[in-house]
Amino acid sequence: MAFANAQYLDAINRNLHDVQGKVNVSFEFFPPRTAQMEQTLWQSIERLAPLAPSFVSVTYGANSGERDRTHDIIKSIKQRTGLIAAPHLTCVDASKQQLIDIARDYWDNGIRHIVALRGDLPPGSTAVPELYAADLVEILRSVADFDISVAAYPEVHPQAPNAQFDLLNLKRKVEAGASRAITQFFFDIEKFLRYRDRCAAIGIDVDIIPGILPVTNFQQLQKFAGLTNVAIPDWMSKAYQGLDNDPTTRNLVGANIAMEMVKVLSREGVDQFHFYTLNRSELSYAICHLLGVRPVL
């Protein structure tokens, strides 16, 4: 038994050694709605900024107030940290001219990276959108030479009729000028790897960056997963059983799951990871530290 344990620990050490210092990371935040949430956001940004992420993104709501908050935070991140700040931009609720104006304003303010998305339809809406993400990518390319990220869905977009349709939609976004694709969060690594293979098979030649969600609140995750068509494996449900009132252990479990995912994906040739922080820095920072992502002094 002692020999088996020693082999297991040696394997962990070798896996960590193989990954350390060989991954690049980016982080996602969302606009705060209260003064307390804003304080938490900036504490998280300031904690993660020294890790020198490739970029940080800020999500984008479907109304003018949310847009303004995103715009203000993006400008502030750039000014206060010097990081590459990438706003999310959606087209489902905007005209072509409005999008051109927003893009020009971002470019004039030194913002060069945009995450281009269709955006969610209003609840209960059955209207057919006039513009899709591929159209938005074309609009951005017509304004300036933006670095453009788009979304990808290893488990299929909830509104896509089938997996092939969804995959061809990603190809249209790439052909329109997208620089990379960032996936929806997932927990089944095999699904991601098969998806990456299918992307390559139809000529999608940009990086497919896995979106990693360190889970601190399993009940909240179940709601997210239901809305986004993400499967939660049985083993993961069991891992969080009995931890509803134990945030410390939940954090340890969440960090371990995310770190194991990154280690396995790294062995499969993935070297870029996008962390959905939910405006909290603790787990993302701890995972990055264990993976050898160190502060840049």
Protein backbone atom coordinates (compact mmCIF):
# COMPACT_ATOMS: atom_id res chain seq x y z
CA MET A 1 0.00 0.00 0.00
CA ALA A 2 2.83 2.41 0.87
CA PHE A 3 4.51 1.67 -2.49
CA ALA A 4 1.25 2.36 -4.36
CA ASN A 5 0.82 5.67 -2.53
CA ALA A 6 4.39 6.63 -3.37
CA GLN A 7 3.77 5.90 -7.05
CA TYR A 8 0.59 7.99 -6.97
CA LEU A 9 2.35 10.97 -5.37
CA ASP A 10 5.24 10.66 -7.82
CA ALA A 11 2.77 10.76 -10.72
CA ILE A 12 1.18 13.93 -9.31
CA ASN A 13 4.58 15.57 -8.93
CA ARG A 14 5.57 14.68 -12.50
CA ASN A 15 2.25 15.94 -13.87
CA LEU A 16 2.65 19.27 -12.10
CA HIS A 17 6.25 19.55 -13.26
CA ASP A 18 5.20 18.95 -16.86
CA VAL A 19 2.64 21.76 -16.74
CA GLN A 20 4.37 24.38 -14.60
CA GLY A 21 5.26 27.55 -16.44
CA LYS A 22 3.90 26.25 -19.75
CA VAL A 23 0.38 27.67 -19.73
CA ASN A 24 -1.08 31.07 -20.58
CA VAL A 25 -4.20 32.31 -18.85
CA SER A 26 -6.92 34.90 -19.28
CA PHE A 27 -9.72 35.91 -16.89
CA GLU A 28 -13.35 36.93 -17.25
CA PHE A 29 -15.25 39.37 -15.03
CA PHE A 30 -18.74 40.86 -15.05
CA PRO A 31 -19.90 44.43 -14.35
CA PRO A 32 -20.79 44.97 -10.66
CA ARG A 33 -24.25 46.20 -9.70
CA THR A 34 -23.49 47.53 -6.21
CA ALA A 35 -20.68 49.40 -4.51
CA GLN A 36 -19.76 46.27 -2.53
CA MET A 37 -19.63 44.17 -5.70
CA GLU A 38 -17.44 46.80 -7.33
CA GLN A 39 -15.02 46.63 -4.42
CA THR A 40 -14.86 42.84 -4.74
CA LEU A 41 -14.29 43.15 -8.48
CA TRP A 42 -11.33 45.50 -8.12
CA GLN A 43 -9.80 43.42 -5.34
CA SER A 44 -9.95 40.44 -7.69
CA ILE A 45 -8.52 42.34 -10.66
CA GLU A 46 -5.66 43.69 -8.57
CA ARG A 47 -4.96 40.21 -7.18
CA LEU A 48 -4.87 38.55 -10.61
CA ALA A 49 -3.24 41.35 -12.64
CA PRO A 50 0.35 40.51 -11.53
CA LEU A 51 -0.04 37.07 -13.16
CA ALA A 52 0.22 38.88 -16.52
CA PRO A 53 -2.80 37.28 -18.19
CA SER A 54 -3.00 37.33 -21.99
CA PHE A 55 -6.10 39.49 -21.56
CA VAL A 56 -9.04 40.04 -19.24
CA SER A 57 -12.59 40.22 -20.53
CA VAL A 58 -15.70 41.90 -19.13
CA THR A 59 -19.17 40.62 -19.95
CA TYR A 60 -21.83 42.75 -21.53
CA GLY A 61 -25.51 43.15 -20.72
CA ALA A 62 -28.36 43.67 -23.13
CA ASN A 63 -29.25 47.22 -22.13
CA SER A 64 -27.55 50.60 -22.19
CA GLY A 65 -26.82 50.67 -18.45
CA GLU A 66 -24.94 47.37 -18.64
CA ARG A 67 -23.10 48.51 -21.76
CA ASP A 68 -21.97 51.69 -20.06
CA ARG A 69 -20.71 49.77 -17.02
CA THR A 70 -18.76 47.40 -19.23
CA HIS A 71 -17.28 50.30 -21.18
CA ASP A 72 -16.25 52.14 -18.00
CA ILE A 73 -14.69 49.06 -16.41
CA ILE A 74 -12.75 48.23 -19.57
CA LYS A 75 -11.28 51.72 -19.72
CA SER A 76 -10.45 51.63 -16.01
CA ILE A 77 -8.72 48.25 -16.23
CA LYS A 78 -6.58 49.50 -19.08
CA GLN A 79 -5.69 52.72 -17.27
CA ARG A 80 -5.13 51.24 -13.80
CA THR A 81 -3.38 47.97 -14.67
CA GLY A 82 -2.09 48.24 -18.23
CA LEU A 83 -3.63 44.85 -19.00
CA ILE A 84 -5.19 44.06 -22.36
CA ALA A 85 -8.87 44.56 -21.57
CA ALA A 86 -11.42 42.95 -23.88
CA PRO A 87 -15.06 44.01 -23.68
CA HIS A 88 -17.82 41.62 -24.65
CA LEU A 89 -19.96 43.09 -27.41
CA THR A 90 -23.35 41.68 -28.46
CA CYS A 91 -25.36 42.42 -31.57
CA VAL A 92 -28.78 40.99 -30.77
CA ASP A 93 -30.11 44.32 -29.50
CA ALA A 94 -28.18 46.83 -31.63
CA SER A 95 -28.23 48.15 -35.17
CA LYS A 96 -25.26 47.93 -37.49
CA GLN A 97 -24.60 51.66 -37.13
CA GLN A 98 -24.72 51.46 -33.32
CA LEU A 99 -22.18 48.66 -33.39
CA ILE A 100 -19.93 50.64 -35.72
CA ASP A 101 -20.11 53.62 -33.37
CA ILE A 102 -19.31 51.47 -30.31
CA ALA A 103 -16.40 49.82 -32.11
CA ARG A 104 -14.96 53.17 -33.19
CA ASP A 105 -15.24 54.49 -29.64
CA TYR A 106 -13.38 51.46 -28.30
CA TRP A 107 -10.67 51.80 -30.95
CA ASP A 108 -10.29 55.52 -30.24
CA ASN A 109 -9.81 54.65 -26.55
CA GLY A 110 -7.05 52.17 -27.28
CA ILE A 111 -9.15 49.00 -26.94
CA ARG A 112 -7.92 46.50 -29.52
CA HIS A 113 -9.43 43.18 -28.38
CA ILE A 114 -13.19 42.47 -28.43
CA VAL A 115 -15.18 39.34 -27.58
CA ALA A 116 -17.87 39.26 -30.28
CA LEU A 117 -21.14 37.53 -29.38
CA ARG A 118 -24.67 37.36 -30.66
CA GLY A 119 -26.08 37.79 -27.18
CA ASP A 120 -29.14 36.35 -25.46
CA LEU A 121 -32.60 37.00 -26.82
CA PRO A 122 -35.03 38.70 -24.39
CA PRO A 123 -36.96 36.17 -22.28
CA GLY A 124 -39.92 34.80 -24.19
CA SER A 125 -38.85 36.34 -27.49
CA THR A 126 -39.42 34.37 -30.68
CA ALA A 127 -38.03 37.02 -33.01
CA VAL A 128 -35.35 36.09 -35.50
CA PRO A 129 -32.21 38.21 -34.87
CA GLU A 130 -31.18 40.52 -37.67
CA LEU A 131 -27.49 40.09 -36.85
CA TYR A 132 -25.46 37.13 -35.64
CA ALA A 133 -21.95 36.84 -34.22
CA ALA A 134 -20.42 36.25 -37.67
CA ASP A 135 -22.03 39.50 -38.84
CA LEU A 136 -20.60 41.30 -35.82
CA VAL A 137 -17.12 39.99 -36.59
CA GLU A 138 -17.45 41.36 -40.15
CA ILE A 139 -18.60 44.74 -38.79
CA LEU A 140 -15.65 44.93 -36.40
CA ARG A 141 -13.23 44.02 -39.19
CA SER A 142 -14.73 46.80 -41.34
CA VAL A 143 -14.03 49.36 -38.60
CA ALA A 144 -10.45 48.47 -37.61
CA ASP A 145 -7.97 45.65 -37.21
CA PHE A 146 -9.38 44.33 -33.93
CA ASP A 147 -8.19 41.16 -32.23
CA ILE A 148 -11.50 39.27 -32.04
CA SER A 149 -12.50 36.36 -29.82
CA VAL A 150 -15.73 34.43 -30.34
CA ALA A 151 -17.64 31.78 -28.42
CA ALA A 152 -17.54 28.02 -28.99
CA TYR A 153 -19.76 25.31 -27.55
CA PRO A 154 -18.30 21.80 -27.05
CA GLU A 155 -21.71 20.58 -25.88
CA VAL A 156 -23.68 22.55 -28.53
CA HIS A 157 -25.33 25.95 -28.13
CA PRO A 158 -28.74 25.52 -26.45
CA GLN A 159 -30.53 27.08 -29.44
CA ALA A 160 -28.64 25.23 -32.18
CA PRO A 161 -30.72 22.56 -33.97
CA ASN A 162 -27.80 20.12 -33.98
CA ALA A 163 -24.05 19.83 -33.41
CA GLN A 164 -23.08 20.15 -37.07
CA PHE A 165 -25.07 23.38 -37.47
CA ASP A 166 -23.35 24.79 -34.38
CA LEU A 167 -19.91 23.79 -35.67
CA LEU A 168 -20.50 25.39 -39.07
CA ASN A 169 -21.62 28.54 -37.29
CA LEU A 170 -18.24 28.68 -35.54
CA LYS A 171 -16.54 28.22 -38.91
CA ARG A 172 -18.48 31.20 -40.29
CA LYS A 173 -17.25 33.33 -37.39
CA VAL A 174 -13.66 32.28 -38.02
CA GLU A 175 -13.95 32.90 -41.77
CA ALA A 176 -15.35 36.35 -41.01
CA GLY A 177 -12.14 37.17 -39.16
CA ALA A 178 -12.20 35.81 -35.61
CA SER A 179 -8.75 35.32 -34.07
CA ARG A 180 -9.64 32.59 -31.55
CA ALA A 181 -12.60 30.84 -29.94
CA ILE A 182 -13.24 30.58 -26.20
CA THR A 183 -15.46 27.73 -25.11
CA GLN A 184 -18.39 27.63 -22.79
CA PHE A 185 -17.33 26.04 -19.49
CA PHE A 186 -17.44 22.26 -19.41
CA PHE A 187 -16.45 19.37 -17.16
CA ASP A 188 -16.27 16.44 -19.59
CA ILE A 189 -12.77 16.67 -21.05
CA GLU A 190 -13.44 14.03 -23.70
CA LYS A 191 -16.23 16.18 -25.12
CA PHE A 192 -13.83 19.11 -25.46
CA LEU A 193 -11.15 16.99 -27.14
CA ARG A 194 -13.64 15.49 -29.59
CA TYR A 195 -14.96 18.97 -30.33
CA ARG A 196 -11.44 20.23 -31.00
CA ASP A 197 -10.89 17.35 -33.41
CA ARG A 198 -14.13 18.12 -35.23
CA CYS A 199 -13.11 21.78 -35.53
CA ALA A 200 -9.82 20.78 -37.13
CA ALA A 201 -11.57 18.33 -39.46
CA ILE A 202 -13.67 21.08 -41.08
CA GLY A 203 -10.80 23.55 -41.36
CA ILE A 204 -11.21 25.71 -38.25
CA ASP A 205 -7.59 26.67 -37.70
CA VAL A 206 -7.72 29.12 -34.78
CA ASP A 207 -6.98 28.23 -31.17
CA ILE A 208 -9.92 26.71 -29.30
CA ILE A 209 -9.35 27.96 -25.76
CA PRO A 210 -11.09 25.98 -23.01
CA GLY A 211 -13.22 27.97 -20.60
CA ILE A 212 -12.55 26.82 -17.02
CA LEU A 213 -15.05 27.48 -14.24
CA PRO A 214 -13.70 26.86 -10.72
CA VAL A 215 -16.87 25.89 -8.85
CA THR A 216 -17.49 27.30 -5.39
CA ASN A 217 -21.29 27.09 -5.39
CA PHE A 218 -22.62 23.82 -6.77
CA GLN A 219 -26.27 24.87 -6.60
CA GLN A 220 -25.48 27.95 -8.67
CA LEU A 221 -23.56 25.76 -11.12
CA GLN A 222 -26.62 23.56 -11.62
CA LYS A 223 -28.63 26.64 -12.63
CA PHE A 224 -25.88 27.80 -15.03
CA ALA A 225 -25.59 24.34 -16.53
CA GLY A 226 -29.33 24.11 -17.11
CA LEU A 227 -29.29 27.37 -19.05
CA THR A 228 -26.19 26.57 -21.10
CA ASN A 229 -26.65 22.91 -22.02
CA VAL A 230 -23.61 21.84 -20.00
CA ALA A 231 -23.61 18.32 -18.57
CA ILE A 232 -22.56 17.85 -14.95
CA PRO A 233 -20.95 14.40 -14.51
CA ASP A 234 -22.26 12.14 -11.75
CA TRP A 235 -18.83 12.03 -10.12
CA MET A 236 -18.91 15.81 -9.78
CA SER A 237 -22.35 15.82 -8.15
CA LYS A 238 -21.08 13.27 -5.63
CA ALA A 239 -17.96 15.34 -4.94
CA TYR A 240 -20.09 18.24 -3.68
CA GLN A 241 -22.60 16.18 -1.69
CA GLY A 242 -22.89 17.30 1.91
CA LEU A 243 -20.91 20.52 1.35
CA ASP A 244 -23.74 23.06 1.17
CA ASN A 245 -22.65 24.60 4.48
CA ASP A 246 -18.93 23.98 4.10
CA PRO A 247 -17.47 26.69 1.81
CA THR A 248 -13.86 25.87 2.70
CA THR A 249 -14.12 22.28 1.48
CA ARG A 250 -16.17 23.37 -1.55
CA ASN A 251 -13.33 25.69 -2.54
CA LEU A 252 -10.77 22.91 -2.16
CA VAL A 253 -12.88 20.55 -4.28
CA GLY A 254 -13.46 23.24 -6.94
CA ALA A 255 -9.78 24.13 -7.16
CA ASN A 256 -8.76 20.47 -7.41
CA ILE A 257 -11.25 19.73 -10.21
CA ALA A 258 -10.18 22.75 -12.22
CA MET A 259 -6.49 22.03 -11.74
CA GLU A 260 -6.91 18.41 -12.81
CA MET A 261 -8.73 19.57 -15.94
CA VAL A 262 -5.92 21.94 -16.82
CA LYS A 263 -3.27 19.25 -16.25
CA VAL A 264 -5.05 16.75 -18.51
CA LEU A 265 -5.73 19.33 -21.21
CA SER A 266 -2.13 20.52 -21.07
CA ARG A 267 -0.94 16.98 -21.77
CA GLU A 268 -3.24 17.07 -24.82
CA GLY A 269 -1.42 20.12 -26.18
CA VAL A 270 -3.57 22.90 -24.76
CA ASP A 271 -1.52 25.82 -23.46
CA GLN A 272 -4.13 28.59 -23.12
CA PHE A 273 -6.94 28.66 -20.56
CA HIS A 274 -9.72 31.16 -19.92
CA PHE A 275 -10.96 31.30 -16.31
CA TYR A 276 -14.51 32.35 -15.50
CA THR A 277 -13.79 34.07 -12.19
CA LEU A 278 -17.31 35.23 -11.25
CA ASN A 279 -15.41 38.25 -9.93
CA ARG A 280 -13.63 36.19 -7.28
CA SER A 281 -9.87 35.74 -7.41
CA GLU A 282 -9.10 33.13 -4.76
CA LEU A 283 -9.54 29.89 -6.69
CA SER A 284 -8.20 31.19 -10.00
CA TYR A 285 -5.11 32.56 -8.28
CA ALA A 286 -4.48 29.34 -6.35
CA ILE A 287 -4.87 27.20 -9.48
CA CYS A 288 -2.54 29.44 -11.47
CA HIS A 289 0.02 29.33 -8.66
CA LEU A 290 0.04 25.53 -8.63
CA LEU A 291 0.39 25.52 -12.41
CA GLY A 292 3.50 27.69 -12.21
CA VAL A 293 1.90 30.97 -13.32
CA ARG A 294 3.78 33.42 -11.13
CA PRO A 295 3.44 37.17 -10.56
CA VAL A 296 5.52 39.28 -12.91
CA LEU A 297 7.54 41.69 -10.78
